[in-house]
Amino acid sequence: MAVSIQQQVRLVGSQYADGAITHEEARHRLVTLLKEHFDCSRVSYWSFSGEPGERVMECVVISGVQAESHRVGKRFNEADAPEYIASLARRTMYVCEDTLADPNFAAVRERFMQRGGSRALLDAALSANGKLIGVLCCEQVGATRQWTRPEIVAAMKFATGISMYIARVNAEATRLESVDQGE
């Protein structure tokens, strides 16, 4: 019997919680699993920092087609596509079948036209305590793509699960920091 994607994701979380793999290994395994599950060109996770209106997204981990616009450490400012970020924060999902035709990407269209640029996006927001903390991006390179309803629902579920995972990791880091400081 084949192991479901949900079981595989839980296994990665358990391995990380048990100390069998590092945080970086867990992140890489998760995006690789999701890339295979969605059968897309690239899956990446971008973290958010800053306050609304001035947020910055930074690529933390990526699996799949590499490109100058999509590499670990690459940054993307909210001011470059404010409508995209606002929509993502409001709806928790951003489904784009053609980045070159999407008016919310007009100011950054050149990044999608470059070699390895995304032509279709299925982006799911990650949040903790009502604050946008990241985005899980499933991307198609080289061609447009019509994302299916089951794919959209699955991306939402994965983002929710990963949000809880990140919240636990952050809570544990905060707890350990306060213990180290003798509080």
Protein backbone atom coordinates (compact mmCIF):
# COMPACT_ATOMS: atom_id res chain seq x y z
CA MET A 1 0.00 0.00 0.00
CA ALA A 2 1.38 3.41 -1.02
CA VAL A 3 2.09 5.97 1.66
CA SER A 4 -0.05 9.10 1.27
CA ILE A 5 1.46 12.55 0.94
CA GLN A 6 -0.07 13.49 4.30
CA GLN A 7 1.66 10.51 5.94
CA GLN A 8 4.95 11.45 4.30
CA VAL A 9 4.65 15.06 5.51
CA ARG A 10 3.81 13.86 9.06
CA LEU A 11 6.84 11.55 8.95
CA VAL A 12 9.13 14.47 8.09
CA GLY A 13 7.62 16.46 10.99
CA SER A 14 8.12 13.54 13.37
CA GLN A 15 11.71 13.01 12.24
CA TYR A 16 12.43 16.68 12.84
CA ALA A 17 10.68 16.70 16.24
CA ASP A 18 12.67 13.61 17.28
CA GLY A 19 15.96 15.21 16.21
CA ALA A 20 16.57 12.62 13.47
CA ILE A 21 16.87 15.38 10.84
CA THR A 22 17.76 19.06 11.00
CA HIS A 23 15.38 21.94 10.39
CA GLU A 24 17.00 22.57 7.01
CA GLU A 25 16.66 18.89 6.03
CA ALA A 26 12.99 18.94 7.07
CA ARG A 27 12.29 22.04 4.95
CA HIS A 28 14.03 20.57 1.92
CA ARG A 29 12.22 17.24 2.24
CA LEU A 30 8.86 19.01 2.53
CA VAL A 31 9.27 21.11 -0.61
CA THR A 32 10.59 18.10 -2.52
CA LEU A 33 7.56 16.02 -1.47
CA LEU A 34 5.20 18.82 -2.50
CA LYS A 35 6.94 19.32 -5.86
CA GLU A 36 6.42 15.64 -6.61
CA HIS A 37 2.83 15.69 -5.33
CA PHE A 38 1.80 18.68 -7.46
CA ASP A 39 3.92 17.56 -10.42
CA CYS A 40 5.09 21.11 -10.96
CA SER A 41 8.38 22.69 -11.98
CA ARG A 42 9.26 24.23 -8.64
CA VAL A 43 8.10 24.50 -5.04
CA SER A 44 9.58 27.13 -2.78
CA TYR A 45 8.95 28.54 0.65
CA TRP A 46 9.37 32.28 1.23
CA SER A 47 9.34 33.83 4.71
CA PHE A 48 7.95 37.30 5.47
CA SER A 49 9.54 39.97 7.60
CA GLY A 50 8.50 43.54 8.29
CA GLU A 51 5.18 45.21 8.79
CA PRO A 52 2.26 45.37 6.33
CA GLY A 53 3.05 47.74 3.50
CA GLU A 54 6.80 47.25 3.96
CA ARG A 55 7.06 43.47 4.08
CA VAL A 56 9.88 41.57 2.43
CA MET A 57 9.65 37.98 1.22
CA GLU A 58 12.85 35.92 1.27
CA CYS A 59 13.29 32.53 -0.37
CA VAL A 60 14.19 30.05 2.36
CA VAL A 61 14.12 26.73 0.51
CA ILE A 62 13.46 25.60 -3.04
CA SER A 63 13.09 22.36 -4.96
CA GLY A 64 13.03 22.18 -8.74
CA VAL A 65 13.97 24.50 -11.57
CA GLN A 66 16.44 27.12 -10.41
CA ALA A 67 16.41 30.67 -11.73
CA GLU A 68 17.96 34.00 -10.78
CA SER A 69 14.55 35.17 -9.54
CA HIS A 70 14.09 31.96 -7.51
CA ARG A 71 17.04 31.00 -5.38
CA VAL A 72 17.63 30.71 -1.66
CA GLY A 73 18.25 34.17 -0.22
CA LYS A 74 16.47 36.03 -3.03
CA ARG A 75 14.25 38.85 -1.73
CA PHE A 76 11.02 40.30 -3.04
CA ASN A 77 9.62 43.58 -1.67
CA GLU A 78 5.91 44.07 -1.06
CA ALA A 79 6.15 47.40 -2.88
CA ASP A 80 7.00 45.49 -6.08
CA ALA A 81 3.59 43.77 -6.20
CA PRO A 82 1.39 45.15 -3.41
CA GLU A 83 -1.85 43.82 -4.91
CA TYR A 84 -0.46 40.28 -4.95
CA ILE A 85 0.61 40.46 -1.28
CA ALA A 86 -2.70 42.08 -0.23
CA SER A 87 -4.68 39.41 -2.05
CA LEU A 88 -2.56 36.63 -0.57
CA ALA A 89 -3.00 38.02 2.95
CA ARG A 90 -6.75 38.50 2.48
CA ARG A 91 -7.63 35.22 0.77
CA THR A 92 -4.73 32.98 1.94
CA MET A 93 -4.43 31.64 -1.63
CA TYR A 94 -3.24 33.16 -4.87
CA VAL A 95 -4.08 31.15 -7.97
CA CYS A 96 -2.56 32.42 -11.19
CA GLU A 97 -2.84 30.52 -14.45
CA ASP A 98 -0.66 32.97 -16.40
CA THR A 99 1.78 35.34 -14.70
CA LEU A 100 2.32 37.26 -17.94
CA ALA A 101 -1.38 38.16 -18.13
CA ASP A 102 -2.02 38.80 -14.40
CA PRO A 103 -2.39 42.57 -13.81
CA ASN A 104 -1.12 42.21 -10.21
CA PHE A 105 2.30 41.29 -11.59
CA ALA A 106 2.59 44.09 -14.17
CA ALA A 107 5.42 45.81 -12.28
CA VAL A 108 7.46 42.59 -12.02
CA ARG A 109 6.52 40.96 -15.31
CA GLU A 110 10.16 40.91 -16.44
CA ARG A 111 11.07 38.42 -13.70
CA PHE A 112 8.54 35.97 -15.14
CA MET A 113 9.85 36.45 -18.68
CA GLN A 114 13.40 35.42 -17.73
CA ARG A 115 14.67 31.88 -18.27
CA GLY A 116 13.22 29.76 -15.48
CA GLY A 117 10.56 32.34 -14.68
CA SER A 118 7.21 31.16 -13.36
CA ARG A 119 4.31 31.11 -15.81
CA ALA A 120 1.69 29.81 -13.36
CA LEU A 121 1.48 30.07 -9.58
CA LEU A 122 -0.41 28.30 -6.84
CA ASP A 123 0.58 30.20 -3.70
CA ALA A 124 -0.68 29.43 -0.21
CA ALA A 125 -0.14 31.85 2.66
CA LEU A 126 1.28 30.68 5.95
CA SER A 127 0.20 32.59 9.00
CA ALA A 128 0.57 32.45 12.76
CA ASN A 129 -1.62 34.39 15.18
CA GLY A 130 -3.22 36.20 12.25
CA LYS A 131 0.13 37.43 10.91
CA LEU A 132 1.41 36.52 7.45
CA ILE A 133 4.69 34.64 8.04
CA GLY A 134 5.37 33.01 4.70
CA VAL A 135 4.12 31.65 1.44
CA LEU A 136 4.34 28.18 -0.05
CA CYS A 137 4.70 28.56 -3.82
CA CYS A 138 3.93 25.84 -6.36
CA GLU A 139 5.10 27.05 -9.74
CA GLN A 140 4.95 25.99 -13.36
CA VAL A 141 7.82 27.10 -15.58
CA GLY A 142 7.62 27.34 -19.37
CA ALA A 143 3.85 27.09 -19.79
CA THR A 144 0.62 28.33 -18.29
CA ARG A 145 -1.32 25.94 -16.07
CA GLN A 146 -4.89 25.64 -14.93
CA TRP A 147 -4.74 24.56 -11.29
CA THR A 148 -7.46 22.11 -10.29
CA ARG A 149 -9.80 22.50 -7.33
CA PRO A 150 -8.22 19.44 -5.58
CA GLU A 151 -4.75 21.00 -6.04
CA ILE A 152 -5.94 24.29 -4.55
CA VAL A 153 -7.53 22.54 -1.56
CA ALA A 154 -4.42 20.40 -1.05
CA ALA A 155 -2.15 23.47 -1.11
CA MET A 156 -4.38 25.15 1.49
CA LYS A 157 -4.19 22.07 3.74
CA PHE A 158 -0.42 21.82 3.42
CA ALA A 159 -0.02 25.53 4.19
CA THR A 160 -2.18 25.18 7.30
CA GLY A 161 -0.16 22.20 8.50
CA ILE A 162 3.16 23.87 7.77
CA SER A 163 1.96 27.05 9.54
CA MET A 164 1.30 25.00 12.67
CA TYR A 165 4.71 23.34 12.30
CA ILE A 166 6.46 26.73 12.02
CA ALA A 167 4.49 28.12 14.98
CA ARG A 168 5.62 25.14 17.11
CA VAL A 169 9.25 25.56 16.01
CA ASN A 170 9.11 29.29 16.81
CA ALA A 171 7.44 28.68 20.19
CA GLU A 172 10.09 26.11 21.09
CA ALA A 173 12.89 28.49 20.04
CA THR A 174 11.36 31.26 22.17
CA ARG A 175 11.02 28.90 25.13
CA LEU A 176 14.63 27.75 24.84
CA GLU A 177 15.83 31.34 24.51
CA SER A 178 14.06 32.34 27.72
CA VAL A 179 15.49 29.27 29.52
CA ASP A 180 18.99 30.16 28.29
CA GLN A 181 18.54 33.70 29.60
CA GLY A 182 17.51 32.32 33.01
CA GLU A 183 13.97 33.66 32.95
